[in-house]
Amino acid sequence: MTHGMPRPEDVSRDHIDATVMSFLKGEKDGDWTEVSLVTLRPREEIRLVLRENLDRYRTAHKGRFHELVERLKTRGISLRVPYR
Protein backbone atom coordinates (compact mmCIF):
# COMPACT_ATOMS: atom_id res chain seq x y z
CA MET A 1 0.00 0.00 0.00
CA THR A 2 1.13 3.51 -0.63
CA HIS A 3 1.40 6.11 2.11
CA GLY A 4 -1.65 7.94 0.75
CA MET A 5 -4.00 4.99 1.06
CA PRO A 6 -6.02 4.55 4.26
CA ARG A 7 -5.62 1.34 6.22
CA PRO A 8 -8.51 -1.13 5.78
CA GLU A 9 -9.32 -1.08 9.50
CA ASP A 10 -9.61 2.72 9.40
CA VAL A 11 -11.99 2.55 6.45
CA SER A 12 -14.08 -0.01 8.29
CA ARG A 13 -14.22 2.07 11.47
CA ASP A 14 -15.09 5.17 9.47
CA HIS A 15 -17.94 3.25 7.81
CA ILE A 16 -19.30 2.05 11.14
CA ASP A 17 -19.08 5.54 12.60
CA ALA A 18 -20.74 7.15 9.56
CA THR A 19 -23.52 4.53 9.63
CA VAL A 20 -24.22 5.09 13.33
CA MET A 21 -24.14 8.89 12.96
CA SER A 22 -26.56 8.73 9.99
CA PHE A 23 -28.99 6.86 12.21
CA LEU A 24 -28.52 9.19 15.17
CA LYS A 25 -29.15 12.23 12.94
CA GLY A 26 -32.33 10.63 11.59
CA GLU A 27 -30.96 10.28 8.06
CA LYS A 28 -31.36 6.47 8.04
CA ASP A 29 -33.91 4.26 9.73
CA GLY A 30 -33.18 1.57 12.30
CA ASP A 31 -33.73 -1.40 10.02
CA TRP A 32 -31.33 -0.09 7.36
CA THR A 33 -28.71 0.78 9.99
CA GLU A 34 -28.92 -2.58 11.72
CA VAL A 35 -28.64 -4.56 8.49
CA SER A 36 -25.88 -2.33 7.13
CA LEU A 37 -23.76 -2.80 10.23
CA VAL A 38 -24.18 -6.51 10.88
CA THR A 39 -23.91 -7.69 7.29
CA LEU A 40 -20.81 -5.68 6.41
CA ARG A 41 -18.71 -5.61 9.59
CA PRO A 42 -17.47 -8.06 12.24
CA ARG A 43 -19.40 -7.80 15.49
CA GLU A 44 -16.29 -7.18 17.59
CA GLU A 45 -15.31 -4.28 15.36
CA ILE A 46 -18.79 -2.73 15.71
CA ARG A 47 -18.60 -3.17 19.48
CA LEU A 48 -15.17 -1.51 19.58
CA VAL A 49 -16.28 1.54 17.58
CA LEU A 50 -19.43 1.93 19.69
CA ARG A 51 -17.38 1.82 22.89
CA GLU A 52 -14.76 4.25 21.59
CA ASN A 53 -17.41 6.80 20.58
CA LEU A 54 -19.93 6.17 23.35
CA ASP A 55 -20.02 9.71 24.72
CA ARG A 56 -20.19 11.34 21.30
CA TYR A 57 -23.06 9.07 20.23
CA ARG A 58 -25.01 9.69 23.42
CA THR A 59 -24.49 13.42 23.00
CA ALA A 60 -25.70 13.28 19.38
CA HIS A 61 -29.01 11.62 20.31
CA LYS A 62 -29.27 9.57 23.48
CA GLY A 63 -32.69 8.07 22.72
CA ARG A 64 -31.79 6.89 19.22
CA PHE A 65 -28.46 5.55 20.47
CA HIS A 66 -30.28 3.52 23.12
CA GLU A 67 -32.61 2.18 20.40
CA LEU A 68 -29.65 1.18 18.23
CA VAL A 69 -27.89 -0.57 21.12
CA GLU A 70 -31.07 -2.53 21.87
CA ARG A 71 -31.44 -3.52 18.20
CA LEU A 72 -27.82 -4.65 18.00
CA LYS A 73 -28.15 -6.62 21.22
CA THR A 74 -30.68 -8.89 19.48
CA ARG A 75 -27.97 -9.53 16.85
CA GLY A 76 -25.40 -10.55 19.46
CA ILE A 77 -23.63 -7.20 19.72
CA SER A 78 -23.59 -6.07 23.32
CA LEU A 79 -21.49 -3.15 24.55
CA ARG A 80 -20.75 -4.85 27.87
CA VAL A 81 -20.42 -1.41 29.44
CA PRO A 82 -23.11 0.89 30.83
CA TYR A 83 -24.38 3.10 28.02
CA ARG A 84 -27.12 5.09 29.70
PDB file of N, CA and C in Angstrom:
ATOM      1  N   MET A   1       0.828  -1.186   0.000  1.00  0.00           N
ATOM      2  CA  MET A   1       0.000   0.000   0.000  1.00  0.00           C
ATOM      3  C   MET A   1       0.873   1.251   0.000  1.00  0.00           C
ATOM      4  N   THR A   2       0.394   2.254  -0.630  1.00  0.00           N
ATOM      5  CA  THR A   2       1.132   3.508  -0.630  1.00  0.00           C
ATOM      6  C   THR A   2       0.813   4.287   0.634  1.00  0.00           C
ATOM      7  N   HIS A   3       1.611   5.300   0.901  1.00  0.00           N
ATOM      8  CA  HIS A   3       1.403   6.107   2.108  1.00  0.00           C
ATOM      9  C   HIS A   3       0.100   6.892   2.059  1.00  0.00           C
ATOM     10  N   GLY A   4      -0.427   7.164   0.879  1.00  0.00           N
ATOM     11  CA  GLY A   4      -1.649   7.942   0.751  1.00  0.00           C
ATOM     12  C   GLY A   4      -2.924   7.143   0.932  1.00  0.00           C
ATOM     13  N   MET A   5      -2.816   5.831   0.936  1.00  0.00           N
ATOM     14  CA  MET A   5      -4.000   4.988   1.061  1.00  0.00           C
ATOM     15  C   MET A   5      -4.344   4.755   2.530  1.00  0.00           C
ATOM     16  N   PRO A   6      -5.627   4.843   2.879  1.00  0.00           N
ATOM     17  CA  PRO A   6      -6.018   4.551   4.265  1.00  0.00           C
ATOM     18  C   PRO A   6      -5.892   3.071   4.560  1.00  0.00           C
ATOM     19  N   ARG A   7      -5.690   2.748   5.815  1.00  0.00           N
ATOM     20  CA  ARG A   7      -5.623   1.345   6.223  1.00  0.00           C
ATOM     21  C   ARG A   7      -7.036   0.756   6.202  1.00  0.00           C
ATOM     22  N   PRO A   8      -7.174  -0.516   5.851  1.00  0.00           N
ATOM     23  CA  PRO A   8      -8.514  -1.131   5.785  1.00  0.00           C
ATOM     24  C   PRO A   8      -9.289  -1.018   7.095  1.00  0.00           C
ATOM     25  N   GLU A   9      -8.613  -1.175   8.225  1.00  0.00           N
ATOM     26  CA  GLU A   9      -9.317  -1.082   9.502  1.00  0.00           C
ATOM     27  C   GLU A   9      -9.837   0.330   9.765  1.00  0.00           C
ATOM     28  N   ASP A  10      -9.133   1.350   9.257  1.00  0.00           N
ATOM     29  CA  ASP A  10      -9.606   2.722   9.404  1.00  0.00           C
ATOM     30  C   ASP A  10     -10.842   2.965   8.547  1.00  0.00           C
ATOM     31  N   VAL A  11     -10.839   2.422   7.343  1.00  0.00           N
ATOM     32  CA  VAL A  11     -11.993   2.554   6.449  1.00  0.00           C
ATOM     33  C   VAL A  11     -13.205   1.885   7.087  1.00  0.00           C
ATOM     34  N   SER A  12     -13.001   0.715   7.655  1.00  0.00           N
ATOM     35  CA  SER A  12     -14.083  -0.014   8.294  1.00  0.00           C
ATOM     36  C   SER A  12     -14.636   0.770   9.481  1.00  0.00           C
ATOM     37  N   ARG A  13     -13.769   1.289  10.313  1.00  0.00           N
ATOM     38  CA  ARG A  13     -14.216   2.068  11.473  1.00  0.00           C
ATOM     39  C   ARG A  13     -14.935   3.333  11.030  1.00  0.00           C
ATOM     40  N   ASP A  14     -14.433   3.964   9.995  1.00  0.00           N
ATOM     41  CA  ASP A  14     -15.093   5.165   9.474  1.00  0.00           C
ATOM     42  C   ASP A  14     -16.494   4.824   8.962  1.00  0.00           C
ATOM     43  N   HIS A  15     -16.629   3.671   8.306  1.00  0.00           N
ATOM     44  CA  HIS A  15     -17.940   3.253   7.807  1.00  0.00           C
ATOM     45  C   HIS A  15     -18.904   3.003   8.959  1.00  0.00           C
ATOM     46  N   ILE A  16     -18.454   2.311   9.979  1.00  0.00           N
ATOM     47  CA  ILE A  16     -19.302   2.047  11.141  1.00  0.00           C
ATOM     48  C   ILE A  16     -19.728   3.360  11.779  1.00  0.00           C
ATOM     49  N   ASP A  17     -18.781   4.256  11.987  1.00  0.00           N
ATOM     50  CA  ASP A  17     -19.080   5.543  12.601  1.00  0.00           C
ATOM     51  C   ASP A  17     -20.074   6.336  11.750  1.00  0.00           C
ATOM     52  N   ALA A  18     -19.850   6.401  10.459  1.00  0.00           N
ATOM     53  CA  ALA A  18     -20.740   7.149   9.563  1.00  0.00           C
ATOM     54  C   ALA A  18     -22.143   6.540   9.562  1.00  0.00           C
ATOM     55  N   THR A  19     -22.223   5.213   9.606  1.00  0.00           N
ATOM     56  CA  THR A  19     -23.519   4.533   9.634  1.00  0.00           C
ATOM     57  C   THR A  19     -24.270   4.858  10.914  1.00  0.00           C
ATOM     58  N   VAL A  20     -23.581   4.783  12.040  1.00  0.00           N
ATOM     59  CA  VAL A  20     -24.216   5.092  13.329  1.00  0.00           C
ATOM     60  C   VAL A  20     -24.655   6.560  13.367  1.00  0.00           C
ATOM     61  N   MET A  21     -23.791   7.462  12.929  1.00  0.00           N
ATOM     62  CA  MET A  21     -24.136   8.888  12.960  1.00  0.00           C
ATOM     63  C   MET A  21     -25.320   9.196  12.038  1.00  0.00           C
ATOM     64  N   SER A  22     -25.411   8.529  10.897  1.00  0.00           N
ATOM     65  CA  SER A  22     -26.557   8.729   9.994  1.00  0.00           C
ATOM     66  C   SER A  22     -27.854   8.348  10.695  1.00  0.00           C
ATOM     67  N   PHE A  23     -27.810   7.271  11.458  1.00  0.00           N
ATOM     68  CA  PHE A  23     -28.990   6.860  12.211  1.00  0.00           C
ATOM     69  C   PHE A  23     -29.306   7.863  13.310  1.00  0.00           C
ATOM     70  N   LEU A  24     -28.295   8.271  14.059  1.00  0.00           N
ATOM     71  CA  LEU A  24     -28.518   9.193  15.169  1.00  0.00           C
ATOM     72  C   LEU A  24     -29.055  10.543  14.695  1.00  0.00           C
ATOM     73  N   LYS A  25     -28.674  10.966  13.507  1.00  0.00           N
ATOM     74  CA  LYS A  25     -29.146  12.230  12.941  1.00  0.00           C
ATOM     75  C   LYS A  25     -30.521  12.090  12.281  1.00  0.00           C
ATOM     76  N   GLY A  26     -31.033  10.863  12.202  1.00  0.00           N
ATOM     77  CA  GLY A  26     -32.334  10.633  11.590  1.00  0.00           C
ATOM     78  C   GLY A  26     -32.290  10.528  10.083  1.00  0.00           C
ATOM     79  N   GLU A  27     -31.104  10.380   9.515  1.00  0.00           N
ATOM     80  CA  GLU A  27     -30.958  10.278   8.063  1.00  0.00           C
ATOM     81  C   GLU A  27     -31.262   8.868   7.546  1.00  0.00           C
ATOM     82  N   LYS A  28     -31.089   7.869   8.396  1.00  0.00           N
ATOM     83  CA  LYS A  28     -31.363   6.465   8.040  1.00  0.00           C
ATOM     84  C   LYS A  28     -32.245   5.854   9.120  1.00  0.00           C
ATOM     85  N   ASP A  29     -33.055   4.887   8.726  1.00  0.00           N
ATOM     86  CA  ASP A  29     -33.913   4.261   9.727  1.00  0.00           C
ATOM     87  C   ASP A  29     -33.184   3.117  10.437  1.00  0.00           C
ATOM     88  N   GLY A  30     -33.809   2.605  11.478  1.00  0.00           N
ATOM     89  CA  GLY A  30     -33.184   1.575  12.297  1.00  0.00           C
ATOM     90  C   GLY A  30     -32.939   0.271  11.566  1.00  0.00           C
ATOM     91  N   ASP A  31     -33.891  -0.144  10.747  1.00  0.00           N
ATOM     92  CA  ASP A  31     -33.729  -1.400  10.018  1.00  0.00           C
ATOM     93  C   ASP A  31     -32.531  -1.333   9.072  1.00  0.00           C
ATOM     94  N   TRP A  32     -32.443  -0.256   8.295  1.00  0.00           N
ATOM     95  CA  TRP A  32     -31.334  -0.086   7.363  1.00  0.00           C
ATOM     96  C   TRP A  32     -30.004  -0.080   8.115  1.00  0.00           C
ATOM     97  N   THR A  33     -29.949   0.656   9.211  1.00  0.00           N
ATOM     98  CA  THR A  33     -28.712   0.783   9.985  1.00  0.00           C
ATOM     99  C   THR A  33     -28.282  -0.566  10.543  1.00  0.00           C
ATOM    100  N   GLU A  34     -29.217  -1.279  11.128  1.00  0.00           N
ATOM    101  CA  GLU A  34     -28.918  -2.583  11.724  1.00  0.00           C
ATOM    102  C   GLU A  34     -28.377  -3.549  10.669  1.00  0.00           C
ATOM    103  N   VAL A  35     -29.058  -3.651   9.555  1.00  0.00           N
ATOM    104  CA  VAL A  35     -28.637  -4.560   8.493  1.00  0.00           C
ATOM    105  C   VAL A  35     -27.293  -4.125   7.907  1.00  0.00           C
ATOM    106  N   SER A  36     -27.134  -2.844   7.686  1.00  0.00           N
ATOM    107  CA  SER A  36     -25.883  -2.332   7.127  1.00  0.00           C
ATOM    108  C   SER A  36     -24.695  -2.668   8.015  1.00  0.00           C
ATOM    109  N   LEU A  37     -24.867  -2.516   9.308  1.00  0.00           N
ATOM    110  CA  LEU A  37     -23.760  -2.801  10.229  1.00  0.00           C
ATOM    111  C   LEU A  37     -23.454  -4.291  10.308  1.00  0.00           C
ATOM    112  N   VAL A  38     -24.456  -5.095  10.586  1.00  0.00           N
ATOM    113  CA  VAL A  38     -24.182  -6.509  10.885  1.00  0.00           C
ATOM    114  C   VAL A  38     -23.869  -7.347   9.654  1.00  0.00           C
ATOM    115  N   THR A  39     -24.240  -6.900   8.470  1.00  0.00           N
ATOM    116  CA  THR A  39     -23.914  -7.691   7.286  1.00  0.00           C
ATOM    117  C   THR A  39     -22.565  -7.315   6.695  1.00  0.00           C
ATOM    118  N   LEU A  40     -22.061  -6.136   7.021  1.00  0.00           N
ATOM    119  CA  LEU A  40     -20.812  -5.683   6.415  1.00  0.00           C
ATOM    120  C   LEU A  40     -19.604  -5.704   7.344  1.00  0.00           C
ATOM    121  N   ARG A  41     -19.819  -5.764   8.643  1.00  0.00           N
ATOM    122  CA  ARG A  41     -18.713  -5.614   9.590  1.00  0.00           C
ATOM    123  C   ARG A  41     -18.731  -6.694  10.661  1.00  0.00           C
ATOM    124  N   PRO A  42     -17.542  -7.096  11.127  1.00  0.00           N
ATOM    125  CA  PRO A  42     -17.471  -8.062  12.244  1.00  0.00           C
ATOM    126  C   PRO A  42     -18.064  -7.456  13.518  1.00  0.00           C
ATOM    127  N   ARG A  43     -18.731  -8.279  14.267  1.00  0.00           N
ATOM    128  CA  ARG A  43     -19.398  -7.800  15.485  1.00  0.00           C
ATOM    129  C   ARG A  43     -18.423  -7.156  16.480  1.00  0.00           C
ATOM    130  N   GLU A  44     -17.257  -7.746  16.645  1.00  0.00           N
ATOM    131  CA  GLU A  44     -16.287  -7.182  17.594  1.00  0.00           C
ATOM    132  C   GLU A  44     -15.837  -5.791  17.153  1.00  0.00           C
ATOM    133  N   GLU A  45     -15.707  -5.596  15.870  1.00  0.00           N
ATOM    134  CA  GLU A  45     -15.312  -4.279  15.358  1.00  0.00           C
ATOM    135  C   GLU A  45     -16.417  -3.245  15.605  1.00  0.00           C
ATOM    136  N   ILE A  46     -17.667  -3.634  15.421  1.00  0.00           N
ATOM    137  CA  ILE A  46     -18.792  -2.733  15.708  1.00  0.00           C
ATOM    138  C   ILE A  46     -18.780  -2.375  17.183  1.00  0.00           C
ATOM    139  N   ARG A  47     -18.624  -3.380  18.027  1.00  0.00           N
ATOM    140  CA  ARG A  47     -18.601  -3.168  19.481  1.00  0.00           C
ATOM    141  C   ARG A  47     -17.483  -2.203  19.869  1.00  0.00           C
ATOM    142  N   LEU A  48     -16.318  -2.366  19.282  1.00  0.00           N
ATOM    143  CA  LEU A  48     -15.173  -1.512  19.581  1.00  0.00           C
ATOM    144  C   LEU A  48     -15.445  -0.053  19.210  1.00  0.00           C
ATOM    145  N   VAL A  49     -15.985   0.167  18.021  1.00  0.00           N
ATOM    146  CA  VAL A  49     -16.278   1.537  17.580  1.00  0.00           C
ATOM    147  C   VAL A  49     -17.354   2.167  18.468  1.00  0.00           C
ATOM    148  N   LEU A  50     -18.374   1.402  18.819  1.00  0.00           N
ATOM    149  CA  LEU A  50     -19.427   1.932  19.693  1.00  0.00           C
ATOM    150  C   LEU A  50     -18.857   2.334  21.048  1.00  0.00           C
ATOM    151  N   ARG A  51     -17.995   1.494  21.599  1.00  0.00           N
ATOM    152  CA  ARG A  51     -17.383   1.822  22.895  1.00  0.00           C
ATOM    153  C   ARG A  51     -16.492   3.054  22.807  1.00  0.00           C
ATOM    154  N   GLU A  52     -15.689   3.127  21.748  1.00  0.00           N
ATOM    155  CA  GLU A  52     -14.763   4.253  21.591  1.00  0.00           C
ATOM    156  C   GLU A  52     -15.485   5.591  21.445  1.00  0.00           C
ATOM    157  N   ASN A  53     -16.671   5.570  20.863  1.00  0.00           N
ATOM    158  CA  ASN A  53     -17.408   6.803  20.580  1.00  0.00           C
ATOM    159  C   ASN A  53     -18.660   6.960  21.435  1.00  0.00           C
ATOM    160  N   LEU A  54     -18.738   6.215  22.502  1.00  0.00           N
ATOM    161  CA  LEU A  54     -19.926   6.168  23.347  1.00  0.00           C
ATOM    162  C   LEU A  54     -20.439   7.545  23.737  1.00  0.00           C
ATOM    163  N   ASP A  55     -19.585   8.387  24.271  1.00  0.00           N
ATOM    164  CA  ASP A  55     -20.023   9.712  24.722  1.00  0.00           C
ATOM    165  C   ASP A  55     -20.497  10.582  23.565  1.00  0.00           C
ATOM    166  N   ARG A  56     -19.797  10.527  22.460  1.00  0.00           N
ATOM    167  CA  ARG A  56     -20.193  11.337  21.297  1.00  0.00           C
ATOM    168  C   ARG A  56     -21.552  10.882  20.759  1.00  0.00           C
ATOM    169  N   TYR A  57     -21.777   9.579  20.720  1.00  0.00           N
ATOM    170  CA  TYR A  57     -23.057   9.068  20.235  1.00  0.00           C
ATOM    171  C   TYR A  57     -24.198   9.439  21.173  1.00  0.00           C
ATOM    172  N   ARG A  58     -23.967   9.317  22.461  1.00  0.00           N
ATOM    173  CA  ARG A  58     -25.012   9.690  23.421  1.00  0.00           C
ATOM    174  C   ARG A  58     -25.322  11.176  23.334  1.00  0.00           C
ATOM    175  N   THR A  59     -24.300  11.981  23.130  1.00  0.00           N
ATOM    176  CA  THR A  59     -24.494  13.421  23.002  1.00  0.00           C
ATOM    177  C   THR A  59     -25.276  13.751  21.730  1.00  0.00           C
ATOM    178  N   ALA A  60     -25.016  13.024  20.661  1.00  0.00           N
ATOM    179  CA  ALA A  60     -25.696  13.282  19.384  1.00  0.00           C
ATOM    180  C   ALA A  60     -27.197  13.029  19.510  1.00  0.00           C
ATOM    181  N   HIS A  61     -27.585  11.920  20.111  1.00  0.00           N
ATOM    182  CA  HIS A  61     -29.010  11.616  20.313  1.00  0.00           C
ATOM    183  C   HIS A  61     -29.128  10.390  21.212  1.00  0.00           C
ATOM    184  N   LYS A  62     -29.277  10.643  22.485  1.00  0.00           N
ATOM    185  CA  LYS A  62     -29.271   9.572  23.480  1.00  0.00           C
ATOM    186  C   LYS A  62     -30.370   8.529  23.234  1.00  0.00           C
ATOM    187  N   GLY A  63     -31.575   8.988  22.927  1.00  0.00           N
ATOM    188  CA  GLY A  63     -32.687   8.065  22.718  1.00  0.00           C
ATOM    189  C   GLY A  63     -32.475   7.145  21.525  1.00  0.00           C
ATOM    190  N   ARG A  64     -32.036   7.714  20.412  1.00  0.00           N
ATOM    191  CA  ARG A  64     -31.794   6.895  19.222  1.00  0.00           C
ATOM    192  C   ARG A  64     -30.602   5.961  19.438  1.00  0.00           C
ATOM    193  N   PHE A  65     -29.596   6.416  20.183  1.00  0.00           N
ATOM    194  CA  PHE A  65     -28.462   5.549  20.471  1.00  0.00           C
ATOM    195  C   PHE A  65     -28.919   4.349  21.307  1.00  0.00           C
ATOM    196  N   HIS A  66     -29.750   4.605  22.294  1.00  0.00           N
ATOM    197  CA  HIS A  66     -30.283   3.520  23.118  1.00  0.00           C
ATOM    198  C   HIS A  66     -31.060   2.535  22.236  1.00  0.00           C
ATOM    199  N   GLU A  67     -31.863   3.046  21.315  1.00  0.00           N
ATOM    200  CA  GLU A  67     -32.614   2.185  20.395  1.00  0.00           C
ATOM    201  C   GLU A  67     -31.660   1.318  19.557  1.00  0.00           C
ATOM    202  N   LEU A  68     -30.605   1.926  19.043  1.00  0.00           N
ATOM    203  CA  LEU A  68     -29.645   1.181  18.228  1.00  0.00           C
ATOM    204  C   LEU A  68     -28.953   0.091  19.045  1.00  0.00           C
ATOM    205  N   VAL A  69     -28.554   0.418  20.255  1.00  0.00           N
ATOM    206  CA  VAL A  69     -27.892  -0.566  21.115  1.00  0.00           C
ATOM    207  C   VAL A  69     -28.831  -1.749  21.390  1.00  0.00           C
ATOM    208  N   GLU A  70     -30.103  -1.463  21.625  1.00  0.00           N
ATOM    209  CA  GLU A  70     -31.066  -2.532  21.869  1.00  0.00           C
ATOM    210  C   GLU A  70     -31.259  -3.389  20.620  1.00  0.00           C
ATOM    211  N   ARG A  71     -31.305  -2.769  19.455  1.00  0.00           N
ATOM    212  CA  ARG A  71     -31.440  -3.517  18.204  1.00  0.00           C
ATOM    213  C   ARG A  71     -30.227  -4.425  17.988  1.00  0.00           C
ATOM    214  N   LEU A  72     -29.043  -3.878  18.220  1.00  0.00           N
ATOM    215  CA  LEU A  72     -27.821  -4.645  17.998  1.00  0.00           C
ATOM    216  C   LEU A  72     -27.675  -5.782  19.007  1.00  0.00           C
ATOM    217  N   LYS A  73     -28.216  -5.578  20.187  1.00  0.00           N
ATOM    218  CA  LYS A  73     -28.155  -6.623  21.220  1.00  0.00           C
ATOM    219  C   LYS A  73     -28.863  -7.891  20.734  1.00  0.00           C
ATOM    220  N   THR A  74     -29.957  -7.726  19.993  1.00  0.00           N
ATOM    221  CA  THR A  74     -30.678  -8.894  19.480  1.00  0.00           C
ATOM    222  C   THR A  74     -29.864  -9.615  18.407  1.00  0.00           C
ATOM    223  N   ARG A  75     -28.854  -8.940  17.864  1.00  0.00           N
ATOM    224  CA  ARG A  75     -27.970  -9.527  16.850  1.00  0.00           C
ATOM    225  C   ARG A  75     -26.659 -10.033  17.454  1.00  0.00           C
ATOM    226  N   GLY A  76     -26.588 -10.034  18.792  1.00  0.00           N
ATOM    227  CA  GLY A  76     -25.398 -10.551  19.455  1.00  0.00           C
ATOM    228  C   GLY A  76     -24.286  -9.535  19.636  1.00  0.00           C
ATOM    229  N   ILE A  77     -24.637  -8.255  19.537  1.00  0.00           N
ATOM    230  CA  ILE A  77     -23.629  -7.203  19.720  1.00  0.00           C
ATOM    231  C   ILE A  77     -24.004  -6.416  20.963  1.00  0.00           C
ATOM    232  N   SER A  78     -23.345  -6.739  22.057  1.00  0.00           N
ATOM    233  CA  SER A  78     -23.592  -6.071  23.322  1.00  0.00           C
ATOM    234  C   SER A  78     -22.380  -5.229  23.675  1.00  0.00           C
ATOM    235  N   LEU A  79     -22.614  -4.031  24.201  1.00  0.00           N
ATOM    236  CA  LEU A  79     -21.487  -3.153  24.552  1.00  0.00           C
ATOM    237  C   LEU A  79     -20.715  -3.651  25.757  1.00  0.00           C
ATOM    238  N   ARG A  80     -21.383  -4.342  26.650  1.00  0.00           N
ATOM    239  CA  ARG A  80     -20.753  -4.850  27.871  1.00  0.00           C
ATOM    240  C   ARG A  80     -20.221  -3.737  28.768  1.00  0.00           C
ATOM    241  N   VAL A  81     -20.710  -2.528  28.560  1.00  0.00           N
ATOM    242  CA  VAL A  81     -20.424  -1.410  29.440  1.00  0.00           C
ATOM    243  C   VAL A  81     -21.708  -0.626  29.596  1.00  0.00           C
ATOM    244  N   PRO A  82     -21.891   0.088  30.705  1.00  0.00           N
ATOM    245  CA  PRO A  82     -23.107   0.892  30.828  1.00  0.00           C
ATOM    246  C   PRO A  82     -23.150   1.969  29.747  1.00  0.00           C
ATOM    247  N   TYR A  83     -24.283   2.118  29.095  1.00  0.00           N
ATOM    248  CA  TYR A  83     -24.376   3.097  28.022  1.00  0.00           C
ATOM    249  C   TYR A  83     -25.436   4.138  28.293  1.00  0.00           C
ATOM    250  N   ARG A  84     -26.045   4.131  29.415  1.00  0.00           N
ATOM    251  CA  ARG A  84     -27.120   5.086  29.702  1.00  0.00           C
ATOM    252  C   ARG A  84     -26.599   6.369  30.175  1.00  0.00           C
TER     253      ARG A  84
END
